[in-house]
PDB file of N, CA and C in Angstrom:
ATOM      1  N   MET A   1     -27.210  16.618   8.261  1.00  0.00           N
ATOM      2  CA  MET A   1     -26.077  16.533   7.367  1.00  0.00           C
ATOM      3  C   MET A   1     -26.598  16.122   5.986  1.00  0.00           C
ATOM      4  N   ASN A   2     -26.168  16.845   4.949  1.00  0.00           N
ATOM      5  CA  ASN A   2     -26.581  16.480   3.599  1.00  0.00           C
ATOM      6  C   ASN A   2     -25.535  15.552   2.951  1.00  0.00           C
ATOM      7  N   ARG A   3     -25.832  15.084   1.753  1.00  0.00           N
ATOM      8  CA  ARG A   3     -24.951  14.125   1.081  1.00  0.00           C
ATOM      9  C   ARG A   3     -23.538  14.679   0.888  1.00  0.00           C
ATOM     10  N   HIS A   4     -23.427  15.904   0.424  1.00  0.00           N
ATOM     11  CA  HIS A   4     -22.118  16.516   0.186  1.00  0.00           C
ATOM     12  C   HIS A   4     -21.276  16.515   1.466  1.00  0.00           C
ATOM     13  N   GLU A   5     -21.866  16.952   2.564  1.00  0.00           N
ATOM     14  CA  GLU A   5     -21.158  16.983   3.844  1.00  0.00           C
ATOM     15  C   GLU A   5     -20.788  15.583   4.303  1.00  0.00           C
ATOM     16  N   LEU A   6     -21.696  14.644   4.111  1.00  0.00           N
ATOM     17  CA  LEU A   6     -21.442  13.268   4.535  1.00  0.00           C
ATOM     18  C   LEU A   6     -20.277  12.659   3.760  1.00  0.00           C
ATOM     19  N   VAL A   7     -20.254  12.830   2.457  1.00  0.00           N
ATOM     20  CA  VAL A   7     -19.157  12.272   1.659  1.00  0.00           C
ATOM     21  C   VAL A   7     -17.839  12.925   2.067  1.00  0.00           C
ATOM     22  N   ARG A   8     -17.847  14.218   2.326  1.00  0.00           N
ATOM     23  CA  ARG A   8     -16.629  14.888   2.809  1.00  0.00           C
ATOM     24  C   ARG A   8     -16.147  14.265   4.112  1.00  0.00           C
ATOM     25  N   ARG A   9     -17.072  14.010   5.021  1.00  0.00           N
ATOM     26  CA  ARG A   9     -16.687  13.396   6.306  1.00  0.00           C
ATOM     27  C   ARG A   9     -16.167  11.977   6.110  1.00  0.00           C
ATOM     28  N   PHE A  10     -16.778  11.219   5.204  1.00  0.00           N
ATOM     29  CA  PHE A  10     -16.291   9.865   4.923  1.00  0.00           C
ATOM     30  C   PHE A  10     -14.872   9.892   4.354  1.00  0.00           C
ATOM     31  N   VAL A  11     -14.622  10.823   3.435  1.00  0.00           N
ATOM     32  CA  VAL A  11     -13.280  10.923   2.850  1.00  0.00           C
ATOM     33  C   VAL A  11     -12.274  11.350   3.915  1.00  0.00           C
ATOM     34  N   LEU A  12     -12.614  12.347   4.716  1.00  0.00           N
ATOM     35  CA  LEU A  12     -11.715  12.758   5.799  1.00  0.00           C
ATOM     36  C   LEU A  12     -11.438  11.596   6.746  1.00  0.00           C
ATOM     37  N   ASN A  13     -12.447  10.824   7.054  1.00  0.00           N
ATOM     38  CA  ASN A  13     -12.272   9.672   7.929  1.00  0.00           C
ATOM     39  C   ASN A  13     -11.284   8.666   7.323  1.00  0.00           C
ATOM     40  N   SER A  14     -11.346   8.503   6.023  1.00  0.00           N
ATOM     41  CA  SER A  14     -10.472   7.539   5.341  1.00  0.00           C
ATOM     42  C   SER A  14      -9.012   7.983   5.319  1.00  0.00           C
ATOM     43  N   ILE A  15      -8.770   9.301   5.348  1.00  0.00           N
ATOM     44  CA  ILE A  15      -7.392   9.798   5.257  1.00  0.00           C
ATOM     45  C   ILE A  15      -6.884  10.391   6.569  1.00  0.00           C
ATOM     46  N   CYS A  16      -7.558  10.127   7.674  1.00  0.00           N
ATOM     47  CA  CYS A  16      -7.215  10.803   8.921  1.00  0.00           C
ATOM     48  C   CYS A  16      -6.046  10.187   9.677  1.00  0.00           C
ATOM     49  N   ASP A  17      -5.645   8.974   9.349  1.00  0.00           N
ATOM     50  CA  ASP A  17      -4.571   8.367  10.132  1.00  0.00           C
ATOM     51  C   ASP A  17      -3.380   7.899   9.303  1.00  0.00           C
ATOM     52  N   ASP A  18      -3.428   8.087   7.989  1.00  0.00           N
ATOM     53  CA  ASP A  18      -2.308   7.678   7.142  1.00  0.00           C
ATOM     54  C   ASP A  18      -2.500   8.263   5.746  1.00  0.00           C
ATOM     55  N   TYR A  19      -1.437   8.333   4.998  1.00  0.00           N
ATOM     56  CA  TYR A  19      -1.536   8.711   3.588  1.00  0.00           C
ATOM     57  C   TYR A  19      -2.305   7.601   2.877  1.00  0.00           C
ATOM     58  N   GLU A  20      -3.308   7.962   2.090  1.00  0.00           N
ATOM     59  CA  GLU A  20      -4.112   6.947   1.404  1.00  0.00           C
ATOM     60  C   GLU A  20      -4.270   7.289  -0.071  1.00  0.00           C
ATOM     61  N   ASN A  21      -4.351   6.258  -0.878  1.00  0.00           N
ATOM     62  CA  ASN A  21      -4.530   6.358  -2.318  1.00  0.00           C
ATOM     63  C   ASN A  21      -6.001   6.121  -2.643  1.00  0.00           C
ATOM     64  N   VAL A  22      -6.524   6.844  -3.625  1.00  0.00           N
ATOM     65  CA  VAL A  22      -7.931   6.705  -3.995  1.00  0.00           C
ATOM     66  C   VAL A  22      -8.259   5.269  -4.377  1.00  0.00           C
ATOM     67  N   ASP A  23      -7.470   4.699  -5.265  1.00  0.00           N
ATOM     68  CA  ASP A  23      -7.816   3.404  -5.839  1.00  0.00           C
ATOM     69  C   ASP A  23      -7.487   2.228  -4.937  1.00  0.00           C
ATOM     70  N   GLN A  24      -6.596   2.417  -3.985  1.00  0.00           N
ATOM     71  CA  GLN A  24      -6.269   1.330  -3.068  1.00  0.00           C
ATOM     72  C   GLN A  24      -7.167   1.313  -1.837  1.00  0.00           C
ATOM     73  N   VAL A  25      -7.457   2.487  -1.269  1.00  0.00           N
ATOM     74  CA  VAL A  25      -8.125   2.523   0.034  1.00  0.00           C
ATOM     75  C   VAL A  25      -9.352   3.442   0.070  1.00  0.00           C
ATOM     76  N   ILE A  26      -9.192   4.687  -0.366  1.00  0.00           N
ATOM     77  CA  ILE A  26     -10.259   5.675  -0.159  1.00  0.00           C
ATOM     78  C   ILE A  26     -11.564   5.234  -0.813  1.00  0.00           C
ATOM     79  N   LEU A  27     -11.517   4.816  -2.057  1.00  0.00           N
ATOM     80  CA  LEU A  27     -12.734   4.376  -2.755  1.00  0.00           C
ATOM     81  C   LEU A  27     -13.401   3.218  -2.020  1.00  0.00           C
ATOM     82  N   ARG A  28     -12.628   2.240  -1.632  1.00  0.00           N
ATOM     83  CA  ARG A  28     -13.176   1.079  -0.923  1.00  0.00           C
ATOM     84  C   ARG A  28     -13.847   1.493   0.382  1.00  0.00           C
ATOM     85  N   ASP A  29     -13.143   2.305   1.188  1.00  0.00           N
ATOM     86  CA  ASP A  29     -13.672   2.712   2.494  1.00  0.00           C
ATOM     87  C   ASP A  29     -14.919   3.579   2.372  1.00  0.00           C
ATOM     88  N   VAL A  30     -14.852   4.584   1.507  1.00  0.00           N
ATOM     89  CA  VAL A  30     -15.965   5.523   1.375  1.00  0.00           C
ATOM     90  C   VAL A  30     -17.184   4.840   0.758  1.00  0.00           C
ATOM     91  N   ALA A  31     -16.957   3.991  -0.239  1.00  0.00           N
ATOM     92  CA  ALA A  31     -18.079   3.259  -0.846  1.00  0.00           C
ATOM     93  C   ALA A  31     -18.742   2.338   0.186  1.00  0.00           C
ATOM     94  N   ALA A  32     -17.946   1.699   1.022  1.00  0.00           N
ATOM     95  CA  ALA A  32     -18.498   0.809   2.048  1.00  0.00           C
ATOM     96  C   ALA A  32     -19.302   1.597   3.088  1.00  0.00           C
ATOM     97  N   ASP A  33     -18.768   2.739   3.525  1.00  0.00           N
ATOM     98  CA  ASP A  33     -19.504   3.569   4.482  1.00  0.00           C
ATOM     99  C   ASP A  33     -20.803   4.076   3.864  1.00  0.00           C
ATOM    100  N   GLY A  34     -20.726   4.501   2.616  1.00  0.00           N
ATOM    101  CA  GLY A  34     -21.928   4.959   1.933  1.00  0.00           C
ATOM    102  C   GLY A  34     -22.972   3.863   1.816  1.00  0.00           C
ATOM    103  N   ASP A  35     -22.524   2.672   1.478  1.00  0.00           N
ATOM    104  CA  ASP A  35     -23.429   1.530   1.346  1.00  0.00           C
ATOM    105  C   ASP A  35     -24.162   1.259   2.663  1.00  0.00           C
ATOM    106  N   ARG A  36     -23.457   1.394   3.765  1.00  0.00           N
ATOM    107  CA  ARG A  36     -24.073   1.181   5.079  1.00  0.00           C
ATOM    108  C   ARG A  36     -25.166   2.215   5.356  1.00  0.00           C
ATOM    109  N   CYS A  37     -25.076   3.363   4.682  1.00  0.00           N
ATOM    110  CA  CYS A  37     -26.069   4.433   4.842  1.00  0.00           C
ATOM    111  C   CYS A  37     -27.074   4.452   3.696  1.00  0.00           C
ATOM    112  N   GLY A  38     -27.006   3.443   2.822  1.00  0.00           N
ATOM    113  CA  GLY A  38     -27.952   3.365   1.711  1.00  0.00           C
ATOM    114  C   GLY A  38     -27.576   4.239   0.526  1.00  0.00           C
ATOM    115  N   LEU A  39     -26.301   4.611   0.410  1.00  0.00           N
ATOM    116  CA  LEU A  39     -25.844   5.476  -0.675  1.00  0.00           C
ATOM    117  C   LEU A  39     -24.839   4.758  -1.563  1.00  0.00           C
ATOM    118  N   THR A  40     -24.858   5.084  -2.832  1.00  0.00           N
ATOM    119  CA  THR A  40     -23.829   4.630  -3.753  1.00  0.00           C
ATOM    120  C   THR A  40     -22.912   5.818  -4.010  1.00  0.00           C
ATOM    121  N   ILE A  41     -21.630   5.648  -3.691  1.00  0.00           N
ATOM    122  CA  ILE A  41     -20.646   6.717  -3.871  1.00  0.00           C
ATOM    123  C   ILE A  41     -19.576   6.182  -4.812  1.00  0.00           C
ATOM    124  N   ASP A  42     -19.402   6.865  -5.952  1.00  0.00           N
ATOM    125  CA  ASP A  42     -18.455   6.361  -6.945  1.00  0.00           C
ATOM    126  C   ASP A  42     -17.141   7.149  -6.913  1.00  0.00           C
ATOM    127  N   ARG A  43     -16.204   6.670  -7.698  1.00  0.00           N
ATOM    128  CA  ARG A  43     -14.859   7.245  -7.723  1.00  0.00           C
ATOM    129  C   ARG A  43     -14.876   8.714  -8.119  1.00  0.00           C
ATOM    130  N   SER A  44     -15.661   9.082  -9.120  1.00  0.00           N
ATOM    131  CA  SER A  44     -15.672  10.473  -9.568  1.00  0.00           C
ATOM    132  C   SER A  44     -16.160  11.415  -8.466  1.00  0.00           C
ATOM    133  N   GLU A  45     -17.114  10.978  -7.665  1.00  0.00           N
ATOM    134  CA  GLU A  45     -17.592  11.805  -6.549  1.00  0.00           C
ATOM    135  C   GLU A  45     -16.501  11.951  -5.487  1.00  0.00           C
ATOM    136  N   ILE A  46     -15.749  10.897  -5.270  1.00  0.00           N
ATOM    137  CA  ILE A  46     -14.656  10.947  -4.293  1.00  0.00           C
ATOM    138  C   ILE A  46     -13.550  11.884  -4.777  1.00  0.00           C
ATOM    139  N   VAL A  47     -13.199  11.797  -6.056  1.00  0.00           N
ATOM    140  CA  VAL A  47     -12.171  12.682  -6.609  1.00  0.00           C
ATOM    141  C   VAL A  47     -12.618  14.138  -6.509  1.00  0.00           C
ATOM    142  N   ALA A  48     -13.870  14.416  -6.831  1.00  0.00           N
ATOM    143  CA  ALA A  48     -14.395  15.780  -6.715  1.00  0.00           C
ATOM    144  C   ALA A  48     -14.372  16.244  -5.255  1.00  0.00           C
ATOM    145  N   THR A  49     -14.680  15.348  -4.347  1.00  0.00           N
ATOM    146  CA  THR A  49     -14.661  15.675  -2.921  1.00  0.00           C
ATOM    147  C   THR A  49     -13.242  15.979  -2.468  1.00  0.00           C
ATOM    148  N   LEU A  50     -12.279  15.169  -2.892  1.00  0.00           N
ATOM    149  CA  LEU A  50     -10.879  15.429  -2.546  1.00  0.00           C
ATOM    150  C   LEU A  50     -10.442  16.796  -3.080  1.00  0.00           C
ATOM    151  N   ARG A  51     -10.840  17.119  -4.290  1.00  0.00           N
ATOM    152  CA  ARG A  51     -10.511  18.430  -4.870  1.00  0.00           C
ATOM    153  C   ARG A  51     -11.040  19.546  -3.960  1.00  0.00           C
ATOM    154  N   GLY A  52     -12.279  19.433  -3.519  1.00  0.00           N
ATOM    155  CA  GLY A  52     -12.867  20.431  -2.628  1.00  0.00           C
ATOM    156  C   GLY A  52     -12.169  20.493  -1.275  1.00  0.00           C
ATOM    157  N   LEU A  53     -11.806  19.351  -0.747  1.00  0.00           N
ATOM    158  CA  LEU A  53     -11.106  19.319   0.543  1.00  0.00           C
ATOM    159  C   LEU A  53      -9.752  20.007   0.445  1.00  0.00           C
ATOM    160  N   ILE A  54      -9.049  19.793  -0.671  1.00  0.00           N
ATOM    161  CA  ILE A  54      -7.761  20.444  -0.877  1.00  0.00           C
ATOM    162  C   ILE A  54      -7.957  21.949  -1.027  1.00  0.00           C
ATOM    163  N   GLU A  55      -8.934  22.350  -1.816  1.00  0.00           N
ATOM    164  CA  GLU A  55      -9.205  23.785  -2.008  1.00  0.00           C
ATOM    165  C   GLU A  55      -9.564  24.472  -0.697  1.00  0.00           C
ATOM    166  N   ASP A  56     -10.227  23.741   0.199  1.00  0.00           N
ATOM    167  CA  ASP A  56     -10.642  24.301   1.489  1.00  0.00           C
ATOM    168  C   ASP A  56      -9.567  24.163   2.574  1.00  0.00           C
ATOM    169  N   GLY A  57      -8.409  23.586   2.227  1.00  0.00           N
ATOM    170  CA  GLY A  57      -7.320  23.433   3.188  1.00  0.00           C
ATOM    171  C   GLY A  57      -7.528  22.318   4.198  1.00  0.00           C
ATOM    172  N   LEU A  58      -8.420  21.377   3.897  1.00  0.00           N
ATOM    173  CA  LEU A  58      -8.728  20.288   4.824  1.00  0.00           C
ATOM    174  C   LEU A  58      -7.935  19.019   4.533  1.00  0.00           C
ATOM    175  N   ALA A  59      -7.307  18.956   3.356  1.00  0.00           N
ATOM    176  CA  ALA A  59      -6.500  17.807   2.957  1.00  0.00           C
ATOM    177  C   ALA A  59      -5.411  18.290   2.017  1.00  0.00           C
ATOM    178  N   LYS A  60      -4.389  17.460   1.862  1.00  0.00           N
ATOM    179  CA  LYS A  60      -3.307  17.738   0.918  1.00  0.00           C
ATOM    180  C   LYS A  60      -3.044  16.478   0.111  1.00  0.00           C
ATOM    181  N   ALA A  61      -2.499  16.692  -1.080  1.00  0.00           N
ATOM    182  CA  ALA A  61      -2.134  15.584  -1.964  1.00  0.00           C
ATOM    183  C   ALA A  61      -0.613  15.479  -2.013  1.00  0.00           C
ATOM    184  N   TYR A  62      -0.136  14.242  -2.113  1.00  0.00           N
ATOM    185  CA  TYR A  62       1.300  13.990  -2.116  1.00  0.00           C
ATOM    186  C   TYR A  62       1.663  12.963  -3.178  1.00  0.00           C
ATOM    187  N   LEU A  63       2.875  13.093  -3.685  1.00  0.00           N
ATOM    188  CA  LEU A  63       3.483  12.079  -4.527  1.00  0.00           C
ATOM    189  C   LEU A  63       4.419  11.318  -3.606  1.00  0.00           C
ATOM    190  N   LEU A  64       4.129  10.041  -3.382  1.00  0.00           N
ATOM    191  CA  LEU A  64       4.961   9.237  -2.490  1.00  0.00           C
ATOM    192  C   LEU A  64       5.921   8.386  -3.302  1.00  0.00           C
ATOM    193  N   SER A  65       7.096   8.170  -2.718  1.00  0.00           N
ATOM    194  CA  SER A  65       8.145   7.411  -3.379  1.00  0.00           C
ATOM    195  C   SER A  65       8.893   6.571  -2.350  1.00  0.00           C
ATOM    196  N   GLY A  66       9.528   5.529  -2.805  1.00  0.00           N
ATOM    197  CA  GLY A  66      10.357   4.698  -1.934  1.00  0.00           C
ATOM    198  C   GLY A  66      11.741   5.284  -1.723  1.00  0.00           C
ATOM    199  N   ARG A  67      12.023   6.406  -2.412  1.00  0.00           N
ATOM    200  CA  ARG A  67      13.330   7.071  -2.305  1.00  0.00           C
ATOM    201  C   ARG A  67      13.132   8.522  -1.878  1.00  0.00           C
ATOM    202  N   LYS A  68      14.203   9.123  -1.393  1.00  0.00           N
ATOM    203  CA  LYS A  68      14.144  10.534  -0.999  1.00  0.00           C
ATOM    204  C   LYS A  68      13.901  11.398  -2.221  1.00  0.00           C
ATOM    205  N   PRO A  69      13.120  12.429  -2.128  1.00  0.00           N
ATOM    206  CA  PRO A  69      12.235  12.720  -0.987  1.00  0.00           C
ATOM    207  C   PRO A  69      11.045  11.765  -0.990  1.00  0.00           C
ATOM    208  N   TYR A  70      10.735  11.213   0.132  1.00  0.00           N
ATOM    209  CA  TYR A  70       9.697  10.183   0.218  1.00  0.00           C
ATOM    210  C   TYR A  70       8.301  10.727  -0.063  1.00  0.00           C
ATOM    211  N   ALA A  71       8.091  11.982   0.304  1.00  0.00           N
ATOM    212  CA  ALA A  71       6.782  12.609   0.066  1.00  0.00           C
ATOM    213  C   ALA A  71       6.994  14.016  -0.489  1.00  0.00           C
ATOM    214  N   THR A  72       6.380  14.272  -1.629  1.00  0.00           N
ATOM    215  CA  THR A  72       6.422  15.596  -2.240  1.00  0.00           C
ATOM    216  C   THR A  72       4.990  16.103  -2.336  1.00  0.00           C
ATOM    217  N   GLU A  73       4.755  17.254  -1.711  1.00  0.00           N
ATOM    218  CA  GLU A  73       3.397  17.803  -1.694  1.00  0.00           C
ATOM    219  C   GLU A  73       3.051  18.450  -3.032  1.00  0.00           C
ATOM    220  N   PHE A  74       1.871  18.134  -3.543  1.00  0.00           N
ATOM    221  CA  PHE A  74       1.335  18.835  -4.706  1.00  0.00           C
ATOM    222  C   PHE A  74       0.800  20.174  -4.217  1.00  0.00           C
ATOM    223  N   GLN A  75       0.910  21.213  -5.028  1.00  0.00           N
ATOM    224  CA  GLN A  75       0.403  22.526  -4.651  1.00  0.00           C
ATOM    225  C   GLN A  75      -1.100  22.656  -4.878  1.00  0.00           C
ATOM    226  N   SER A  76      -1.673  21.746  -5.655  1.00  0.00           N
ATOM    227  CA  SER A  76      -3.117  21.733  -5.911  1.00  0.00           C
ATOM    228  C   SER A  76      -3.520  20.288  -6.190  1.00  0.00           C
ATOM    229  N   MET A  77      -4.756  20.110  -6.525  1.00  0.00           N
ATOM    230  CA  MET A  77      -5.267  18.768  -6.802  1.00  0.00           C
ATOM    231  C   MET A  77      -4.589  18.201  -8.056  1.00  0.00           C
ATOM    232  N   PRO A  78      -3.948  17.031  -7.924  1.00  0.00           N
ATOM    233  CA  PRO A  78      -3.335  16.415  -9.102  1.00  0.00           C
ATOM    234  C   PRO A  78      -4.392  15.816 -10.029  1.00  0.00           C
ATOM    235  N   GLN A  79      -4.025  15.570 -11.240  1.00  0.00           N
ATOM    236  CA  GLN A  79      -4.911  14.955 -12.226  1.00  0.00           C
ATOM    237  C   GLN A  79      -4.978  13.452 -11.943  1.00  0.00           C
ATOM    238  N   ILE A  80      -6.106  12.982 -11.439  1.00  0.00           N
ATOM    239  CA  ILE A  80      -6.261  11.548 -11.168  1.00  0.00           C
ATOM    240  C   ILE A  80      -7.605  11.049 -11.692  1.00  0.00           C
ATOM    241  N   ASP A  81      -8.002  11.569 -12.833  1.00  0.00           N
ATOM    242  CA  ASP A  81      -9.280  11.157 -13.411  1.00  0.00           C
ATOM    243  C   ASP A  81      -9.283   9.676 -13.793  1.00  0.00           C
ATOM    244  N   LEU A  82      -8.110   9.149 -14.141  1.00  0.00           N
ATOM    245  CA  LEU A  82      -8.000   7.737 -14.493  1.00  0.00           C
ATOM    246  C   LEU A  82      -7.472   6.949 -13.308  1.00  0.00           C
ATOM    247  N   ILE A  83      -7.834   5.694 -13.253  1.00  0.00           N
ATOM    248  CA  ILE A  83      -7.356   4.824 -12.177  1.00  0.00           C
ATOM    249  C   ILE A  83      -5.840   4.708 -12.280  1.00  0.00           C
ATOM    250  N   GLU A  84      -5.172   4.888 -11.156  1.00  0.00           N
ATOM    251  CA  GLU A  84      -3.714   4.812 -11.129  1.00  0.00           C
ATOM    252  C   GLU A  84      -3.254   3.361 -11.193  1.00  0.00           C
ATOM    253  N   GLU A  85      -2.235   3.128 -11.976  1.00  0.00           N
ATOM    254  CA  GLU A  85      -1.651   1.791 -12.053  1.00  0.00           C
ATOM    255  C   GLU A  85      -0.466   1.652 -11.121  1.00  0.00           C
ATOM    256  N   ASP A  86       0.213   2.766 -10.843  1.00  0.00           N
ATOM    257  CA  ASP A  86       1.425   2.692 -10.020  1.00  0.00           C
ATOM    258  C   ASP A  86       1.240   3.211  -8.594  1.00  0.00           C
ATOM    259  N   PHE A  87       0.063   3.695  -8.255  1.00  0.00           N
ATOM    260  CA  PHE A  87      -0.291   4.120  -6.893  1.00  0.00           C
ATOM    261  C   PHE A  87       0.769   5.028  -6.267  1.00  0.00           C
ATOM    262  N   LYS A  88       0.956   6.202  -6.853  1.00  0.00           N
ATOM    263  CA  LYS A  88       1.921   7.159  -6.312  1.00  0.00           C
ATOM    264  C   LYS A  88       1.265   8.386  -5.692  1.00  0.00           C
ATOM    265  N   THR A  89      -0.019   8.628  -5.993  1.00  0.00           N
ATOM    266  CA  THR A  89      -0.703   9.823  -5.504  1.00  0.00           C
ATOM    267  C   THR A  89      -1.495   9.477  -4.245  1.00  0.00           C
ATOM    268  N   TYR A  90      -1.181  10.163  -3.168  1.00  0.00           N
ATOM    269  CA  TYR A  90      -1.805   9.890  -1.880  1.00  0.00           C
ATOM    270  C   TYR A  90      -2.339  11.171  -1.267  1.00  0.00           C
ATOM    271  N   PHE A  91      -3.258  11.008  -0.329  1.00  0.00           N
ATOM    272  CA  PHE A  91      -3.906  12.137   0.317  1.00  0.00           C
ATOM    273  C   PHE A  91      -3.821  11.972   1.822  1.00  0.00           C
ATOM    274  N   TYR A  92      -3.735  13.126   2.511  1.00  0.00           N
ATOM    275  CA  TYR A  92      -3.651  13.111   3.968  1.00  0.00           C
ATOM    276  C   TYR A  92      -4.363  14.339   4.511  1.00  0.00           C
ATOM    277  N   ILE A  93      -5.002  14.172   5.622  1.00  0.00           N
ATOM    278  CA  ILE A  93      -5.760  15.240   6.265  1.00  0.00           C
ATOM    279  C   ILE A  93      -4.814  16.299   6.843  1.00  0.00           C
ATOM    280  N   THR A  94      -5.265  17.555   6.894  1.00  0.00           N
ATOM    281  CA  THR A  94      -4.495  18.632   7.518  1.00  0.00           C
ATOM    282  C   THR A  94      -5.001  18.853   8.949  1.00  0.00           C
ATOM    283  N   LYS A  95      -4.326  19.730   9.673  1.00  0.00           N
ATOM    284  CA  LYS A  95      -4.764  20.080  11.027  1.00  0.00           C
ATOM    285  C   LYS A  95      -6.185  20.656  10.987  1.00  0.00           C
ATOM    286  N   LYS A  96      -6.439  21.515  10.015  1.00  0.00           N
ATOM    287  CA  LYS A  96      -7.783  22.091   9.855  1.00  0.00           C
ATOM    288  C   LYS A  96      -8.807  20.983   9.565  1.00  0.00           C
ATOM    289  N   GLY A  97      -8.411  19.994   8.781  1.00  0.00           N
ATOM    290  CA  GLY A  97      -9.284  18.864   8.484  1.00  0.00           C
ATOM    291  C   GLY A  97      -9.551  18.018   9.717  1.00  0.00           C
ATOM    292  N   ILE A  98      -8.521  17.814  10.526  1.00  0.00           N
ATOM    293  CA  ILE A  98      -8.683  17.051  11.784  1.00  0.00           C
ATOM    294  C   ILE A  98      -9.678  17.761  12.692  1.00  0.00           C
ATOM    295  N   ASP A  99      -9.531  19.085  12.805  1.00  0.00           N
ATOM    296  CA  ASP A  99     -10.453  19.855  13.658  1.00  0.00           C
ATOM    297  C   ASP A  99     -11.898  19.675  13.204  1.00  0.00           C
ATOM    298  N   LEU A 100     -12.129  19.733  11.900  1.00  0.00           N
ATOM    299  CA  LEU A 100     -13.482  19.519  11.374  1.00  0.00           C
ATOM    300  C   LEU A 100     -13.929  18.082  11.616  1.00  0.00           C
ATOM    301  N   HIS A 101     -13.038  17.152  11.351  1.00  0.00           N
ATOM    302  CA  HIS A 101     -13.367  15.737  11.493  1.00  0.00           C
ATOM    303  C   HIS A 101     -13.783  15.388  12.926  1.00  0.00           C
ATOM    304  N   LEU A 102     -13.133  16.003  13.884  1.00  0.00           N
ATOM    305  CA  LEU A 102     -13.423  15.693  15.293  1.00  0.00           C
ATOM    306  C   LEU A 102     -14.598  16.491  15.848  1.00  0.00           C
ATOM    307  N   SER A 103     -15.047  17.493  15.118  1.00  0.00           N
ATOM    308  CA  SER A 103     -16.172  18.306  15.599  1.00  0.00           C
ATOM    309  C   SER A 103     -17.500  17.632  15.259  1.00  0.00           C
ATOM    310  N   ASP A 104     -18.486  17.919  16.032  1.00  0.00           N
ATOM    311  CA  ASP A 104     -19.859  17.487  15.748  1.00  0.00           C
ATOM    312  C   ASP A 104     -19.975  15.988  15.499  1.00  0.00           C
ATOM    313  N   ASP A 105     -19.474  15.200  16.437  1.00  0.00           N
ATOM    314  CA  ASP A 105     -19.542  13.735  16.330  1.00  0.00           C
ATOM    315  C   ASP A 105     -20.970  13.219  16.218  1.00  0.00           C
ATOM    316  N   LYS A 106     -21.918  13.930  16.784  1.00  0.00           N
ATOM    317  CA  LYS A 106     -23.297  13.438  16.819  1.00  0.00           C
ATOM    318  C   LYS A 106     -23.942  13.376  15.435  1.00  0.00           C
ATOM    319  N   SER A 107     -23.455  14.176  14.488  1.00  0.00           N
ATOM    320  CA  SER A 107     -24.052  14.126  13.151  1.00  0.00           C
ATOM    321  C   SER A 107     -23.430  13.040  12.273  1.00  0.00           C
ATOM    322  N   PHE A 108     -22.310  12.456  12.722  1.00  0.00           N
ATOM    323  CA  PHE A 108     -21.693  11.364  11.973  1.00  0.00           C
ATOM    324  C   PHE A 108     -22.592  10.136  12.106  1.00  0.00           C
ATOM    325  N   PRO A 109     -22.790   9.373  11.048  1.00  0.00           N
ATOM    326  CA  PRO A 109     -23.780   8.288  11.094  1.00  0.00           C
ATOM    327  C   PRO A 109     -23.397   7.082  11.945  1.00  0.00           C
ATOM    328  N   PHE A 110     -22.117   6.960  12.311  1.00  0.00           N
ATOM    329  CA  PHE A 110     -21.685   5.780  13.064  1.00  0.00           C
ATOM    330  C   PHE A 110     -21.291   6.164  14.476  1.00  0.00           C
ATOM    331  N   ASP A 111     -21.627   5.306  15.429  1.00  0.00           N
ATOM    332  CA  ASP A 111     -21.277   5.567  16.820  1.00  0.00           C
ATOM    333  C   ASP A 111     -19.855   5.085  17.103  1.00  0.00           C
ATOM    334  N   ASP A 112     -19.442   5.151  18.361  1.00  0.00           N
ATOM    335  CA  ASP A 112     -18.078   4.765  18.744  1.00  0.00           C
ATOM    336  C   ASP A 112     -17.788   3.285  18.523  1.00  0.00           C
ATOM    337  N   ASP A 113     -18.833   2.477  18.429  1.00  0.00           N
ATOM    338  CA  ASP A 113     -18.661   1.047  18.157  1.00  0.00           C
ATOM    339  C   ASP A 113     -18.803   0.735  16.669  1.00  0.00           C
ATOM    340  N   ASP A 114     -18.845   1.778  15.841  1.00  0.00           N
ATOM    341  CA  ASP A 114     -18.934   1.681  14.378  1.00  0.00           C
ATOM    342  C   ASP A 114     -20.274   1.111  13.899  1.00  0.00           C
ATOM    343  N   ASN A 115     -21.308   1.290  14.708  1.00  0.00           N
ATOM    344  CA  ASN A 115     -22.655   0.894  14.309  1.00  0.00           C
ATOM    345  C   ASN A 115     -23.403   2.118  13.792  1.00  0.00           C
ATOM    346  N   LEU A 116     -24.285   1.917  12.842  1.00  0.00           N
ATOM    347  CA  LEU A 116     -25.114   3.006  12.332  1.00  0.00           C
ATOM    348  C   LEU A 116     -26.033   3.478  13.455  1.00  0.00           C
ATOM    349  N   ARG A 117     -26.013   4.766  13.720  1.00  0.00           N
ATOM    350  CA  ARG A 117     -26.866   5.318  14.777  1.00  0.00           C
ATOM    351  C   ARG A 117     -28.330   5.138  14.375  1.00  0.00           C
ATOM    352  N   PRO A 118     -29.162   4.629  15.265  1.00  0.00           N
ATOM    353  CA  PRO A 118     -30.567   4.380  14.912  1.00  0.00           C
ATOM    354  C   PRO A 118     -31.340   5.660  14.594  1.00  0.00           C
ATOM    355  N   ASP A 119     -30.902   6.786  15.144  1.00  0.00           N
ATOM    356  CA  ASP A 119     -31.616   8.042  14.908  1.00  0.00           C
ATOM    357  C   ASP A 119     -30.994   8.882  13.790  1.00  0.00           C
ATOM    358  N   TRP A 120     -29.979   8.345  13.109  1.00  0.00           N
ATOM    359  CA  TRP A 120     -29.307   9.106  12.053  1.00  0.00           C
ATOM    360  C   TRP A 120     -30.158   9.152  10.802  1.00  0.00           C
ATOM    361  N   HIS A 121     -30.136  10.301  10.137  1.00  0.00           N
ATOM    362  CA  HIS A 121     -30.820  10.442   8.855  1.00  0.00           C
ATOM    363  C   HIS A 121     -30.075  11.444   8.006  1.00  0.00           C
ATOM    364  N   LEU A 122     -30.195  11.308   6.712  1.00  0.00           N
ATOM    365  CA  LEU A 122     -29.561  12.201   5.757  1.00  0.00           C
ATOM    366  C   LEU A 122     -30.547  13.302   5.390  1.00  0.00           C
ATOM    367  N   ASP A 123     -30.119  14.548   5.566  1.00  0.00           N
ATOM    368  CA  ASP A 123     -30.977  15.668   5.164  1.00  0.00           C
ATOM    369  C   ASP A 123     -31.024  15.777   3.659  1.00  0.00           C
ATOM    370  N   PRO A 124     -32.179  16.098   3.099  1.00  0.00           N
ATOM    371  CA  PRO A 124     -32.242  16.286   1.643  1.00  0.00           C
ATOM    372  C   PRO A 124     -31.450  17.519   1.232  1.00  0.00           C
ATOM    373  N   GLY A 125     -30.921  17.483   0.030  1.00  0.00           N
ATOM    374  CA  GLY A 125     -30.198  18.643  -0.497  1.00  0.00           C
ATOM    375  C   GLY A 125     -28.791  18.437  -0.556  1.00  0.00           C
TER     376      GLY A 125
END
């Protein structure tokens, strides 16, 4: 698995069970997972990864609200280059994303107990 694939898997992992915001959850989770693998992953890389996941049909972006309609789907990647102050833009995995996320568990760096696999390595490129 190369860096690009790994960051995609980390982002999918972060959004696989709930709608998540970049600045509240995704950045924290993905940066922590990257750190455990010896990588520094910043916000701009995560935003670019989310853009690619949306383009590939693996994730969707939503505008969440406390009033109806509670979730409005964006048709493409929203503009989130700046840190959000009001935390309204959220991301969630699609069925296609779940299928990818659950495939090939052996290449994911963490085992079922969330420990770094001793034989895991990042492919160059």
